[in-house]
Amino acid sequence: MAKIVVLGTLNADLYVEVHRLPKVQETLPAISGGEIRPGGKGANTAAAASLLGISTYILGQVGSDAASLMILNELSSRNVHLDYLIKLQNIPSGQAIIILQTGGENSIISIRGANQAWTTLPETMKQPILQANALMIQRGIPDTVNLEAASLAHSNGVLVVMDAGGKNGPISDELLSNIDILSPNSIEIEELTGIAGDIEAAALVLINRGIKHVVVKMSKEGSLYIGQHGRYKQDIFTVCDIPVVDTTGAGDCFTAALVARLVEIGNLEFDAFKEAMHFASVAAFLSVTKKGAMESMPTREQVNRYLGFKGP
């Protein structure tokens, strides 16, 4: 069975629903809120990959608090392997405040906690990376730790995929040289390259810096591949009578599904990317039809049900 290792963040997410974001010095009543839900880009990605039928291990840090128990229970219930997680004393688990607006769009405030308390990649985490088909990383933990993990994986022939979310700012050339697939969204790719309003030009900048494959998540515009194989645009998948409820975690779901299908196919040819991007578009759509991040991730059976859907 294919194996994915996810190195990243684990959070307890506090949800608040509002009609719109407040202005400066304005107080708005929430429509609803107060629910604590499991999340974090690493946890969401691992849960999504596992539900899609891939043997998935998560490498991360949590505190020794009630939030960590909730997060770990939710991951375990989705069959994510927790063998290499670390519990820290006197540091809280990561948290996020999810502000959900009418129509499903969201804004997020991140409280890093244990996610930022890394100093180095523990020796115990190196073996699962070496045994994986793919290592998935993102920017919610220190880039120095990502570099250690990516360098180890890349030098030993393990596919390295980075979701560019979780932190603003540039990515070093050293880290980029150890990444096979970079998956930013349309905002993140502008921040990484300084090119606004031209996603293809921004992607080409990253290709010229050594990335082999860039897959950009463009929300309602679908996704775009720019890389060694050229260009490919995947339209958004949608079912007209199923409404969008919450977009939180959709990007995590897309990237997890993309990589899950690629490791199943077993190569990075152009046709493999096309098939994987279609698969990921279906998974991401299903994730936005439910509230929550990790809780909205679809199963393989659910995705398969809609893969051949042609619409009315």
Protein backbone atom coordinates (compact mmCIF):
# COMPACT_ATOMS: atom_id res chain seq x y z
CA MET A 1 0.00 0.00 0.00
CA ALA A 2 1.15 3.52 -0.78
CA LYS A 3 2.33 5.52 2.22
CA ILE A 4 2.23 9.27 2.81
CA VAL A 5 3.94 11.08 5.67
CA VAL A 6 2.62 14.53 6.58
CA LEU A 7 4.81 16.95 8.53
CA GLY A 8 2.79 19.89 9.76
CA THR A 9 0.41 21.64 12.11
CA LEU A 10 -2.36 20.36 14.37
CA ASN A 11 -4.92 22.83 15.71
CA ALA A 12 -8.07 23.21 17.70
CA ASP A 13 -10.26 25.51 15.58
CA LEU A 14 -12.76 27.93 17.15
CA TYR A 15 -15.56 28.70 14.68
CA VAL A 16 -17.42 32.01 14.49
CA GLU A 17 -20.06 32.65 11.83
CA VAL A 18 -20.77 36.24 10.75
CA HIS A 19 -22.59 38.01 7.91
CA ARG A 20 -19.44 40.05 7.21
CA LEU A 21 -16.15 41.02 8.82
CA PRO A 22 -16.34 43.91 11.31
CA LYS A 23 -14.87 47.31 10.54
CA VAL A 24 -12.32 48.93 12.85
CA GLN A 25 -13.93 49.67 16.27
CA GLU A 26 -17.16 47.98 15.17
CA THR A 27 -18.85 45.23 17.20
CA LEU A 28 -20.94 42.70 15.31
CA PRO A 29 -23.08 39.88 16.69
CA ALA A 30 -22.15 36.42 15.50
CA ILE A 31 -24.73 34.37 13.66
CA SER A 32 -23.50 31.38 15.61
CA GLY A 33 -20.23 29.99 16.86
CA GLY A 34 -18.35 28.65 19.82
CA GLU A 35 -17.72 25.17 18.40
CA ILE A 36 -14.22 23.77 18.81
CA ARG A 37 -13.33 21.60 15.83
CA PRO A 38 -10.16 19.69 14.85
CA GLY A 39 -7.94 21.32 12.26
CA GLY A 40 -4.49 22.54 11.29
CA LYS A 41 -3.09 22.14 7.77
CA GLY A 42 -1.06 19.10 8.71
CA ALA A 43 -3.91 17.36 10.49
CA ASN A 44 -6.40 18.21 7.74
CA THR A 45 -4.05 16.91 5.06
CA ALA A 46 -3.35 13.69 6.92
CA ALA A 47 -7.04 13.06 7.60
CA ALA A 48 -7.93 13.66 3.95
CA ALA A 49 -5.22 11.33 2.62
CA SER A 50 -6.17 8.59 5.08
CA LEU A 51 -9.88 8.81 4.24
CA LEU A 52 -8.95 8.47 0.58
CA GLY A 53 -7.42 5.08 1.33
CA ILE A 54 -3.72 5.91 1.75
CA SER A 55 -1.70 4.68 4.74
CA THR A 56 -0.93 8.05 6.36
CA TYR A 57 1.40 9.04 9.18
CA ILE A 58 1.47 12.49 10.74
CA LEU A 59 4.56 14.08 12.24
CA GLY A 60 3.74 16.98 14.52
CA GLN A 61 3.61 18.49 17.99
CA VAL A 62 0.74 19.17 20.37
CA GLY A 63 0.48 20.35 23.94
CA SER A 64 -0.59 18.27 26.91
CA ASP A 65 -4.03 19.84 27.06
CA ALA A 66 -7.66 19.07 26.35
CA ALA A 67 -7.31 20.39 22.81
CA SER A 68 -4.66 17.78 22.03
CA LEU A 69 -6.93 14.96 23.19
CA MET A 70 -9.67 16.14 20.86
CA ILE A 71 -7.32 16.51 17.90
CA LEU A 72 -5.69 13.11 18.39
CA ASN A 73 -9.01 11.34 18.89
CA GLU A 74 -10.34 12.81 15.67
CA LEU A 75 -7.23 11.82 13.73
CA SER A 76 -7.29 8.32 15.18
CA SER A 77 -10.95 7.91 14.20
CA ARG A 78 -9.87 8.60 10.59
CA ASN A 79 -7.14 5.92 10.82
CA VAL A 80 -4.22 8.37 10.73
CA HIS A 81 -1.12 6.81 12.33
CA LEU A 82 -0.02 8.80 15.38
CA ASP A 83 3.12 6.84 16.28
CA TYR A 84 5.50 9.76 15.81
CA LEU A 85 3.56 12.65 17.35
CA ILE A 86 5.19 14.54 20.22
CA LYS A 87 3.34 15.91 23.26
CA LEU A 88 4.97 18.96 24.82
CA GLN A 89 4.67 20.13 28.42
CA ASN A 90 3.84 23.74 29.34
CA ILE A 91 3.12 24.75 25.75
CA PRO A 92 -0.47 24.82 24.46
CA SER A 93 -1.60 23.04 21.33
CA GLY A 94 -1.98 25.16 18.24
CA GLN A 95 -5.26 26.98 17.81
CA ALA A 96 -7.03 28.91 15.08
CA ILE A 97 -10.01 31.24 15.01
CA ILE A 98 -12.06 30.55 11.88
CA ILE A 99 -14.29 33.46 10.85
CA LEU A 100 -16.88 32.04 8.47
CA GLN A 101 -18.83 34.52 6.36
CA THR A 102 -22.17 34.09 4.59
CA GLY A 103 -21.50 32.16 1.40
CA GLY A 104 -18.83 29.94 2.89
CA GLU A 105 -15.71 32.13 2.56
CA ASN A 106 -13.43 32.24 5.58
CA SER A 107 -10.68 34.22 7.31
CA ILE A 108 -8.30 32.59 9.78
CA ILE A 109 -6.26 33.84 12.74
CA SER A 110 -3.57 31.35 13.72
CA ILE A 111 -2.19 30.85 17.25
CA ARG A 112 0.84 28.66 16.66
CA GLY A 113 1.56 27.21 20.11
CA ALA A 114 3.21 23.79 19.89
CA ASN A 115 3.35 24.05 16.09
CA GLN A 116 6.09 26.67 16.33
CA ALA A 117 8.04 25.06 19.19
CA TRP A 118 10.32 22.98 16.96
CA THR A 119 14.10 23.22 17.19
CA THR A 120 15.08 20.37 14.86
CA LEU A 121 13.63 17.28 13.19
CA PRO A 122 13.72 14.48 15.81
CA GLU A 123 15.66 11.36 14.90
CA THR A 124 12.54 9.26 15.50
CA MET A 125 10.79 11.02 12.60
CA LYS A 126 13.45 10.28 9.99
CA GLN A 127 12.71 6.59 9.46
CA PRO A 128 9.03 7.03 8.51
CA ILE A 129 10.04 9.72 6.01
CA LEU A 130 12.55 7.37 4.38
CA GLN A 131 9.91 4.64 4.11
CA ALA A 132 7.25 6.89 2.52
CA ASN A 133 6.20 7.27 -1.10
CA ALA A 134 5.64 10.98 -0.47
CA LEU A 135 6.42 13.58 2.18
CA MET A 136 3.92 16.43 2.44
CA ILE A 137 4.98 19.64 4.18
CA GLN A 138 3.54 23.13 4.65
CA ARG A 139 4.65 26.37 6.26
CA GLY A 140 2.93 26.30 9.64
CA ILE A 141 6.08 24.94 11.28
CA PRO A 142 9.58 26.47 11.03
CA ASP A 143 11.11 26.35 7.55
CA THR A 144 14.35 25.04 9.07
CA VAL A 145 12.55 21.84 10.11
CA ASN A 146 10.85 21.60 6.71
CA LEU A 147 14.27 21.89 5.11
CA GLU A 148 15.68 19.04 7.21
CA ALA A 149 12.78 16.78 6.32
CA ALA A 150 12.63 17.77 2.64
CA SER A 151 16.38 17.36 2.16
CA LEU A 152 16.30 13.91 3.76
CA ALA A 153 13.35 12.81 1.63
CA HIS A 154 14.56 14.34 -1.64
CA SER A 155 18.07 12.90 -1.36
CA ASN A 156 16.57 9.43 -0.86
CA GLY A 157 14.11 9.51 -3.75
CA VAL A 158 10.96 10.29 -1.76
CA LEU A 159 8.49 12.63 -3.50
CA VAL A 160 8.36 15.99 -1.66
CA VAL A 161 5.23 18.15 -1.90
CA MET A 162 4.84 21.53 -0.22
CA ASP A 163 1.53 23.29 0.34
CA ALA A 164 2.59 26.94 0.45
CA GLY A 165 -0.02 27.86 3.07
CA GLY A 166 0.51 28.46 6.76
CA LYS A 167 2.95 31.38 6.67
CA ASN A 168 3.67 34.49 4.63
CA GLY A 169 7.06 35.42 3.27
CA PRO A 170 9.62 34.01 0.82
CA ILE A 171 10.77 30.41 0.57
CA SER A 172 14.54 29.94 0.40
CA ASP A 173 16.15 28.58 -2.74
CA GLU A 174 17.66 25.81 -0.61
CA LEU A 175 14.23 24.59 0.45
CA LEU A 176 12.77 24.99 -3.05
CA SER A 177 15.59 22.84 -4.47
CA ASN A 178 14.30 19.93 -2.38
CA ILE A 179 10.65 20.23 -3.42
CA ASP A 180 9.19 18.32 -6.36
CA ILE A 181 5.66 19.79 -6.33
CA LEU A 182 4.71 23.19 -4.92
CA SER A 183 1.00 23.84 -4.37
CA PRO A 184 0.15 27.46 -3.50
CA ASN A 185 -3.20 29.16 -3.83
CA SER A 186 -3.66 32.26 -5.98
CA ILE A 187 -2.84 34.63 -3.10
CA GLU A 188 0.17 32.69 -1.87
CA ILE A 189 1.80 32.53 -5.30
CA GLU A 190 1.59 36.33 -5.56
CA GLU A 191 3.24 36.68 -2.14
CA LEU A 192 5.98 34.20 -3.08
CA THR A 193 6.87 35.82 -6.38
CA GLY A 194 5.74 39.46 -6.09
CA ILE A 195 3.77 39.05 -9.33
CA ALA A 196 0.13 40.13 -9.00
CA GLY A 197 -2.65 39.39 -11.45
CA ASP A 198 -0.79 36.85 -13.60
CA ILE A 199 -0.73 33.39 -12.05
CA GLU A 200 0.98 31.78 -15.03
CA ALA A 201 3.84 34.28 -14.98
CA ALA A 202 4.19 33.80 -11.22
CA ALA A 203 4.30 30.02 -11.64
CA LEU A 204 7.01 30.34 -14.28
CA VAL A 205 9.12 32.32 -11.82
CA LEU A 206 8.97 29.36 -9.46
CA ILE A 207 9.77 26.93 -12.27
CA ASN A 208 12.82 29.04 -13.13
CA ARG A 209 13.88 28.80 -9.48
CA GLY A 210 14.03 25.02 -9.77
CA ILE A 211 10.55 23.68 -8.96
CA LYS A 212 9.57 20.92 -11.39
CA HIS A 213 5.81 21.11 -10.95
CA VAL A 214 3.57 23.93 -9.67
CA VAL A 215 -0.13 23.27 -9.06
CA VAL A 216 -2.04 26.44 -8.18
CA LYS A 217 -5.37 26.28 -6.34
CA MET A 218 -7.59 29.04 -7.72
CA SER A 219 -10.81 28.59 -5.73
CA LYS A 220 -13.81 29.05 -8.07
CA GLU A 221 -11.48 29.16 -11.08
CA GLY A 222 -10.31 25.59 -10.53
CA SER A 223 -6.62 24.67 -10.54
CA LEU A 224 -3.66 25.22 -12.86
CA TYR A 225 -0.61 23.07 -13.56
CA ILE A 226 2.58 24.76 -14.80
CA GLY A 227 5.70 22.65 -14.99
CA GLN A 228 7.97 20.35 -16.96
CA HIS A 229 5.00 19.04 -18.93
CA GLY A 230 3.70 22.47 -19.92
CA ARG A 231 0.32 23.84 -18.88
CA TYR A 232 -2.98 22.26 -17.85
CA LYS A 233 -6.13 23.92 -16.48
CA GLN A 234 -8.57 21.88 -14.40
CA ASP A 235 -12.03 23.41 -14.07
CA ILE A 236 -13.74 23.48 -10.70
CA PHE A 237 -16.02 20.51 -10.02
CA THR A 238 -19.50 21.38 -8.84
CA VAL A 239 -22.96 19.90 -8.51
CA CYS A 240 -25.57 22.61 -8.98
CA ASP A 241 -28.04 21.47 -6.32
CA ILE A 242 -25.42 21.00 -3.58
CA PRO A 243 -24.55 24.34 -1.91
CA VAL A 244 -21.15 25.53 -0.72
CA VAL A 245 -21.25 25.65 3.10
CA ASP A 246 -17.67 26.17 4.31
CA THR A 247 -14.45 26.49 2.32
CA THR A 248 -12.18 25.93 5.34
CA GLY A 249 -9.73 23.12 4.59
CA ALA A 250 -10.66 22.82 0.90
CA GLY A 251 -7.10 23.60 -0.19
CA ASP A 252 -5.72 21.02 2.23
CA CYS A 253 -8.17 18.47 0.84
CA PHE A 254 -7.21 19.28 -2.74
CA THR A 255 -3.48 18.88 -2.15
CA ALA A 256 -3.95 15.68 -0.15
CA ALA A 257 -6.14 14.18 -2.86
CA LEU A 258 -3.72 15.26 -5.60
CA VAL A 259 -0.80 13.52 -3.89
CA ALA A 260 -2.86 10.49 -2.88
CA ARG A 261 -3.80 9.84 -6.50
CA LEU A 262 -0.29 10.52 -7.80
CA VAL A 263 1.30 7.98 -5.44
CA GLU A 264 -1.36 5.45 -6.44
CA ILE A 265 -0.65 6.01 -10.13
CA GLY A 266 3.05 5.73 -9.38
CA ASN A 267 4.50 8.35 -11.72
CA LEU A 268 4.56 12.10 -12.41
CA GLU A 269 3.74 12.02 -16.11
CA PHE A 270 1.40 14.64 -17.62
CA ASP A 271 -1.56 12.26 -17.77
CA ALA A 272 -1.03 11.40 -14.11
CA PHE A 273 -1.27 15.06 -13.14
CA LYS A 274 -4.42 15.51 -15.22
CA GLU A 275 -6.10 12.52 -13.60
CA ALA A 276 -4.96 13.52 -10.11
CA MET A 277 -6.15 17.11 -10.52
CA HIS A 278 -9.59 15.94 -11.62
CA PHE A 279 -9.73 13.56 -8.65
CA ALA A 280 -8.64 16.37 -6.31
CA SER A 281 -11.25 18.78 -7.70
CA VAL A 282 -14.02 16.33 -6.82
CA ALA A 283 -12.64 15.75 -3.32
CA ALA A 284 -12.25 19.49 -2.68
CA PHE A 285 -15.82 20.20 -3.81
CA LEU A 286 -17.23 17.57 -1.49
CA SER A 287 -15.24 19.10 1.38
CA VAL A 288 -16.90 22.52 0.99
CA THR A 289 -20.39 21.06 1.26
CA LYS A 290 -19.98 20.48 5.02
CA LYS A 291 -18.92 22.61 7.98
CA GLY A 292 -15.51 22.16 9.51
CA ALA A 293 -12.08 21.44 8.13
CA MET A 294 -11.06 17.93 9.09
CA GLU A 295 -14.69 16.98 9.61
CA SER A 296 -15.55 17.83 6.02
CA MET A 297 -12.96 15.59 4.35
CA PRO A 298 -14.65 13.04 2.07
CA THR A 299 -14.07 9.31 1.96
CA ARG A 300 -12.78 7.47 -1.10
CA GLU A 301 -16.22 5.96 -1.62
CA GLN A 302 -17.80 9.44 -1.71
CA VAL A 303 -15.25 10.75 -4.19
CA ASN A 304 -15.59 7.70 -6.44
CA ARG A 305 -19.36 8.20 -6.49
CA TYR A 306 -18.93 11.59 -8.17
CA LEU A 307 -15.90 10.97 -10.39
CA GLY A 308 -18.09 10.11 -13.36
CA PHE A 309 -20.70 12.78 -12.66
CA LYS A 310 -21.55 14.79 -15.79
CA GLY A 311 -24.21 17.11 -14.37
CA PRO A 312 -27.84 17.56 -15.36
